[in-house]
Amino acid sequence: MKIIFAGEGGQGVQVIAEILAKAAFWDGQPSLYIPNFGVEQRGGVSLAFVVIDQTP
């Protein structure tokens, strides 16, 4: 499963993506969190990619 979170800096995009990846990992599913953001602290583009392996 591939999920992309997008928003502006300061909206919590990175936080929610990291929480989801950690929750999947703690549930026993391999997961990957890839942050992508600029140097701005607020107002810039913020993307986060989460990949969760659902192989039985």
PDB file of N, CA and C in Angstrom:
ATOM      1  N   MET A   1       0.851  -1.154   0.000  1.00  0.00           N
ATOM      2  CA  MET A   1       0.000   0.000   0.000  1.00  0.00           C
ATOM      3  C   MET A   1       0.906   1.228   0.000  1.00  0.00           C
ATOM      4  N   LYS A   2       0.603   2.177  -0.888  1.00  0.00           N
ATOM      5  CA  LYS A   2       1.367   3.417  -0.964  1.00  0.00           C
ATOM      6  C   LYS A   2       0.445   4.579  -0.630  1.00  0.00           C
ATOM      7  N   ILE A   3       0.889   5.441   0.282  1.00  0.00           N
ATOM      8  CA  ILE A   3       0.090   6.585   0.708  1.00  0.00           C
ATOM      9  C   ILE A   3       0.948   7.834   0.595  1.00  0.00           C
ATOM     10  N   ILE A   4       0.384   8.898   0.050  1.00  0.00           N
ATOM     11  CA  ILE A   4       1.077  10.176  -0.052  1.00  0.00           C
ATOM     12  C   ILE A   4       0.301  11.211   0.752  1.00  0.00           C
ATOM     13  N   PHE A   5       0.990  11.870   1.664  1.00  0.00           N
ATOM     14  CA  PHE A   5       0.416  12.974   2.422  1.00  0.00           C
ATOM     15  C   PHE A   5       0.985  14.266   1.854  1.00  0.00           C
ATOM     16  N   ALA A   6       0.136  15.259   1.657  1.00  0.00           N
ATOM     17  CA  ALA A   6       0.595  16.538   1.117  1.00  0.00           C
ATOM     18  C   ALA A   6      -0.059  17.681   1.874  1.00  0.00           C
ATOM     19  N   GLY A   7       0.666  18.768   2.002  1.00  0.00           N
ATOM     20  CA  GLY A   7       0.129  19.947   2.669  1.00  0.00           C
ATOM     21  C   GLY A   7       1.177  21.030   2.738  1.00  0.00           C
ATOM     22  N   GLU A   8       0.930  21.993   3.603  1.00  0.00           N
ATOM     23  CA  GLU A   8       1.880  23.078   3.817  1.00  0.00           C
ATOM     24  C   GLU A   8       2.633  22.829   5.111  1.00  0.00           C
ATOM     25  N   GLY A   9       3.831  23.364   5.188  1.00  0.00           N
ATOM     26  CA  GLY A   9       4.617  23.241   6.402  1.00  0.00           C
ATOM     27  C   GLY A   9       3.843  23.766   7.606  1.00  0.00           C
ATOM     28  N   GLY A  10       3.884  23.038   8.695  1.00  0.00           N
ATOM     29  CA  GLY A  10       3.184  23.435   9.902  1.00  0.00           C
ATOM     30  C   GLY A  10       1.842  22.756  10.087  1.00  0.00           C
ATOM     31  N   GLN A  11       1.383  21.993   9.083  1.00  0.00           N
ATOM     32  CA  GLN A  11       0.087  21.330   9.183  1.00  0.00           C
ATOM     33  C   GLN A  11       0.182  19.930   9.795  1.00  0.00           C
ATOM     34  N   GLY A  12       1.368  19.451  10.057  1.00  0.00           N
ATOM     35  CA  GLY A  12       1.522  18.135  10.671  1.00  0.00           C
ATOM     36  C   GLY A  12       1.608  16.988   9.688  1.00  0.00           C
ATOM     37  N   VAL A  13       1.908  17.282   8.441  1.00  0.00           N
ATOM     38  CA  VAL A  13       1.990  16.237   7.410  1.00  0.00           C
ATOM     39  C   VAL A  13       3.048  15.199   7.776  1.00  0.00           C
ATOM     40  N   GLN A  14       4.225  15.658   8.174  1.00  0.00           N
ATOM     41  CA  GLN A  14       5.308  14.733   8.508  1.00  0.00           C
ATOM     42  C   GLN A  14       4.976  13.922   9.757  1.00  0.00           C
ATOM     43  N   VAL A  15       4.345  14.551  10.713  1.00  0.00           N
ATOM     44  CA  VAL A  15       4.009  13.873  11.972  1.00  0.00           C
ATOM     45  C   VAL A  15       3.029  12.733  11.724  1.00  0.00           C
ATOM     46  N   ILE A  16       1.956  12.987  10.998  1.00  0.00           N
ATOM     47  CA  ILE A  16       0.943  11.950  10.779  1.00  0.00           C
ATOM     48  C   ILE A  16       1.499  10.806   9.925  1.00  0.00           C
ATOM     49  N   ALA A  17       2.363  11.127   8.957  1.00  0.00           N
ATOM     50  CA  ALA A  17       2.961  10.077   8.133  1.00  0.00           C
ATOM     51  C   ALA A  17       3.878   9.190   8.971  1.00  0.00           C
ATOM     52  N   GLU A  18       4.665   9.809   9.846  1.00  0.00           N
ATOM     53  CA  GLU A  18       5.560   9.030  10.699  1.00  0.00           C
ATOM     54  C   GLU A  18       4.774   8.180  11.692  1.00  0.00           C
ATOM     55  N   ILE A  19       3.696   8.724  12.236  1.00  0.00           N
ATOM     56  CA  ILE A  19       2.851   7.957  13.159  1.00  0.00           C
ATOM     57  C   ILE A  19       2.253   6.744  12.455  1.00  0.00           C
ATOM     58  N   LEU A  20       1.759   6.925  11.233  1.00  0.00           N
ATOM     59  CA  LEU A  20       1.181   5.812  10.482  1.00  0.00           C
ATOM     60  C   LEU A  20       2.223   4.733  10.203  1.00  0.00           C
ATOM     61  N   ALA A  21       3.417   5.138   9.778  1.00  0.00           N
ATOM     62  CA  ALA A  21       4.472   4.166   9.484  1.00  0.00           C
ATOM     63  C   ALA A  21       4.877   3.395  10.740  1.00  0.00           C
ATOM     64  N   LYS A  22       4.990   4.093  11.870  1.00  0.00           N
ATOM     65  CA  LYS A  22       5.350   3.419  13.123  1.00  0.00           C
ATOM     66  C   LYS A  22       4.244   2.482  13.591  1.00  0.00           C
ATOM     67  N   ALA A  23       2.994   2.895  13.440  1.00  0.00           N
ATOM     68  CA  ALA A  23       1.873   2.040  13.847  1.00  0.00           C
ATOM     69  C   ALA A  23       1.849   0.758  13.025  1.00  0.00           C
ATOM     70  N   ALA A  24       2.088   0.875  11.721  1.00  0.00           N
ATOM     71  CA  ALA A  24       2.128  -0.314  10.868  1.00  0.00           C
ATOM     72  C   ALA A  24       3.280  -1.225  11.281  1.00  0.00           C
ATOM     73  N   PHE A  25       4.428  -0.627  11.572  1.00  0.00           N
ATOM     74  CA  PHE A  25       5.591  -1.410  11.998  1.00  0.00           C
ATOM     75  C   PHE A  25       5.310  -2.137  13.306  1.00  0.00           C
ATOM     76  N   TRP A  26       4.719  -1.437  14.263  1.00  0.00           N
ATOM     77  CA  TRP A  26       4.395  -2.056  15.555  1.00  0.00           C
ATOM     78  C   TRP A  26       3.344  -3.150  15.405  1.00  0.00           C
ATOM     79  N   ASP A  27       2.554  -3.083  14.328  1.00  0.00           N
ATOM     80  CA  ASP A  27       1.546  -4.104  14.055  1.00  0.00           C
ATOM     81  C   ASP A  27       2.147  -5.292  13.301  1.00  0.00           C
ATOM     82  N   GLY A  28       3.441  -5.241  13.021  1.00  0.00           N
ATOM     83  CA  GLY A  28       4.117  -6.351  12.365  1.00  0.00           C
ATOM     84  C   GLY A  28       4.206  -6.245  10.856  1.00  0.00           C
ATOM     85  N   GLN A  29       3.851  -5.111  10.297  1.00  0.00           N
ATOM     86  CA  GLN A  29       3.925  -4.922   8.851  1.00  0.00           C
ATOM     87  C   GLN A  29       5.140  -4.058   8.522  1.00  0.00           C
ATOM     88  N   PRO A  30       6.016  -4.529   7.651  1.00  0.00           N
ATOM     89  CA  PRO A  30       7.153  -3.697   7.261  1.00  0.00           C
ATOM     90  C   PRO A  30       6.653  -2.390   6.635  1.00  0.00           C
ATOM     91  N   SER A  31       7.262  -1.285   7.033  1.00  0.00           N
ATOM     92  CA  SER A  31       6.812   0.006   6.517  1.00  0.00           C
ATOM     93  C   SER A  31       8.001   0.915   6.262  1.00  0.00           C
ATOM     94  N   LEU A  32       7.775   1.906   5.417  1.00  0.00           N
ATOM     95  CA  LEU A  32       8.809   2.860   5.042  1.00  0.00           C
ATOM     96  C   LEU A  32       8.210   4.255   5.039  1.00  0.00           C
ATOM     97  N   TYR A  33       8.889   5.201   5.660  1.00  0.00           N
ATOM     98  CA  TYR A  33       8.456   6.598   5.716  1.00  0.00           C
ATOM     99  C   TYR A  33       9.514   7.442   5.020  1.00  0.00           C
ATOM    100  N   ILE A  34       9.112   8.198   3.989  1.00  0.00           N
ATOM    101  CA  ILE A  34      10.043   9.035   3.240  1.00  0.00           C
ATOM    102  C   ILE A  34       9.565  10.482   3.304  1.00  0.00           C
ATOM    103  N   PRO A  35      10.245  11.328   4.081  1.00  0.00           N
ATOM    104  CA  PRO A  35       9.848  12.735   4.153  1.00  0.00           C
ATOM    105  C   PRO A  35      10.390  13.516   2.961  1.00  0.00           C
ATOM    106  N   ASN A  36       9.676  14.565   2.570  1.00  0.00           N
ATOM    107  CA  ASN A  36      10.110  15.431   1.474  1.00  0.00           C
ATOM    108  C   ASN A  36       9.583  16.830   1.765  1.00  0.00           C
ATOM    109  N   PHE A  37      10.489  17.744   2.091  1.00  0.00           N
ATOM    110  CA  PHE A  37      10.074  19.108   2.415  1.00  0.00           C
ATOM    111  C   PHE A  37      11.223  20.058   2.140  1.00  0.00           C
ATOM    112  N   GLY A  38      10.894  21.333   2.038  1.00  0.00           N
ATOM    113  CA  GLY A  38      11.897  22.358   1.789  1.00  0.00           C
ATOM    114  C   GLY A  38      12.495  22.880   3.082  1.00  0.00           C
ATOM    115  N   VAL A  39      13.258  23.948   2.965  1.00  0.00           N
ATOM    116  CA  VAL A  39      13.928  24.519   4.131  1.00  0.00           C
ATOM    117  C   VAL A  39      13.005  25.410   4.957  1.00  0.00           C
ATOM    118  N   GLU A  40      11.845  25.760   4.427  1.00  0.00           N
ATOM    119  CA  GLU A  40      10.915  26.608   5.163  1.00  0.00           C
ATOM    120  C   GLU A  40      10.358  25.856   6.367  1.00  0.00           C
ATOM    121  N   GLN A  41      10.065  26.578   7.431  1.00  0.00           N
ATOM    122  CA  GLN A  41       9.455  25.946   8.596  1.00  0.00           C
ATOM    123  C   GLN A  41       7.941  25.949   8.479  1.00  0.00           C
ATOM    124  N   ARG A  42       7.394  26.999   7.903  1.00  0.00           N
ATOM    125  CA  ARG A  42       5.940  27.096   7.738  1.00  0.00           C
ATOM    126  C   ARG A  42       5.626  27.661   6.356  1.00  0.00           C
ATOM    127  N   GLY A  43       4.548  27.178   5.766  1.00  0.00           N
ATOM    128  CA  GLY A  43       4.078  27.728   4.507  1.00  0.00           C
ATOM    129  C   GLY A  43       4.634  27.082   3.259  1.00  0.00           C
ATOM    130  N   GLY A  44       5.742  26.356   3.345  1.00  0.00           N
ATOM    131  CA  GLY A  44       6.299  25.685   2.182  1.00  0.00           C
ATOM    132  C   GLY A  44       5.594  24.361   1.934  1.00  0.00           C
ATOM    133  N   VAL A  45       5.865  23.778   0.787  1.00  0.00           N
ATOM    134  CA  VAL A  45       5.262  22.494   0.428  1.00  0.00           C
ATOM    135  C   VAL A  45       5.871  21.381   1.281  1.00  0.00           C
ATOM    136  N   SER A  46       5.013  20.509   1.773  1.00  0.00           N
ATOM    137  CA  SER A  46       5.449  19.376   2.586  1.00  0.00           C
ATOM    138  C   SER A  46       4.794  18.109   2.051  1.00  0.00           C
ATOM    139  N   LEU A  47       5.608  17.137   1.686  1.00  0.00           N
ATOM    140  CA  LEU A  47       5.121  15.846   1.203  1.00  0.00           C
ATOM    141  C   LEU A  47       5.716  14.742   2.064  1.00  0.00           C
ATOM    142  N   ALA A  48       4.975  13.677   2.224  1.00  0.00           N
ATOM    143  CA  ALA A  48       5.481  12.504   2.933  1.00  0.00           C
ATOM    144  C   ALA A  48       4.920  11.262   2.253  1.00  0.00           C
ATOM    145  N   PHE A  49       5.788  10.311   2.019  1.00  0.00           N
ATOM    146  CA  PHE A  49       5.404   9.061   1.381  1.00  0.00           C
ATOM    147  C   PHE A  49       5.503   7.935   2.407  1.00  0.00           C
ATOM    148  N   VAL A  50       4.468   7.116   2.479  1.00  0.00           N
ATOM    149  CA  VAL A  50       4.468   5.957   3.376  1.00  0.00           C
ATOM    150  C   VAL A  50       4.157   4.722   2.537  1.00  0.00           C
ATOM    151  N   VAL A  51       4.987   3.708   2.680  1.00  0.00           N
ATOM    152  CA  VAL A  51       4.764   2.435   1.997  1.00  0.00           C
ATOM    153  C   VAL A  51       4.635   1.367   3.072  1.00  0.00           C
ATOM    154  N   ILE A  52       3.552   0.597   3.005  1.00  0.00           N
ATOM    155  CA  ILE A  52       3.305  -0.472   3.968  1.00  0.00           C
ATOM    156  C   ILE A  52       3.175  -1.780   3.200  1.00  0.00           C
ATOM    157  N   ASP A  53       3.990  -2.755   3.567  1.00  0.00           N
ATOM    158  CA  ASP A  53       3.957  -4.066   2.919  1.00  0.00           C
ATOM    159  C   ASP A  53       2.857  -4.903   3.558  1.00  0.00           C
ATOM    160  N   GLN A  54       1.923  -5.387   2.759  1.00  0.00           N
ATOM    161  CA  GLN A  54       0.810  -6.180   3.277  1.00  0.00           C
ATOM    162  C   GLN A  54       0.917  -7.650   2.898  1.00  0.00           C
ATOM    163  N   THR A  55       2.118  -8.093   2.581  1.00  0.00           N
ATOM    164  CA  THR A  55       2.319  -9.486   2.234  1.00  0.00           C
ATOM    165  C   THR A  55       2.068 -10.360   3.461  1.00  0.00           C
ATOM    166  N   PRO A  56       1.248 -11.410   3.308  1.00  0.00           N
ATOM    167  CA  PRO A  56       0.959 -12.274   4.471  1.00  0.00           C
ATOM    168  C   PRO A  56       2.171 -13.054   4.945  1.00  0.00           C
TER     169      PRO A  56
END
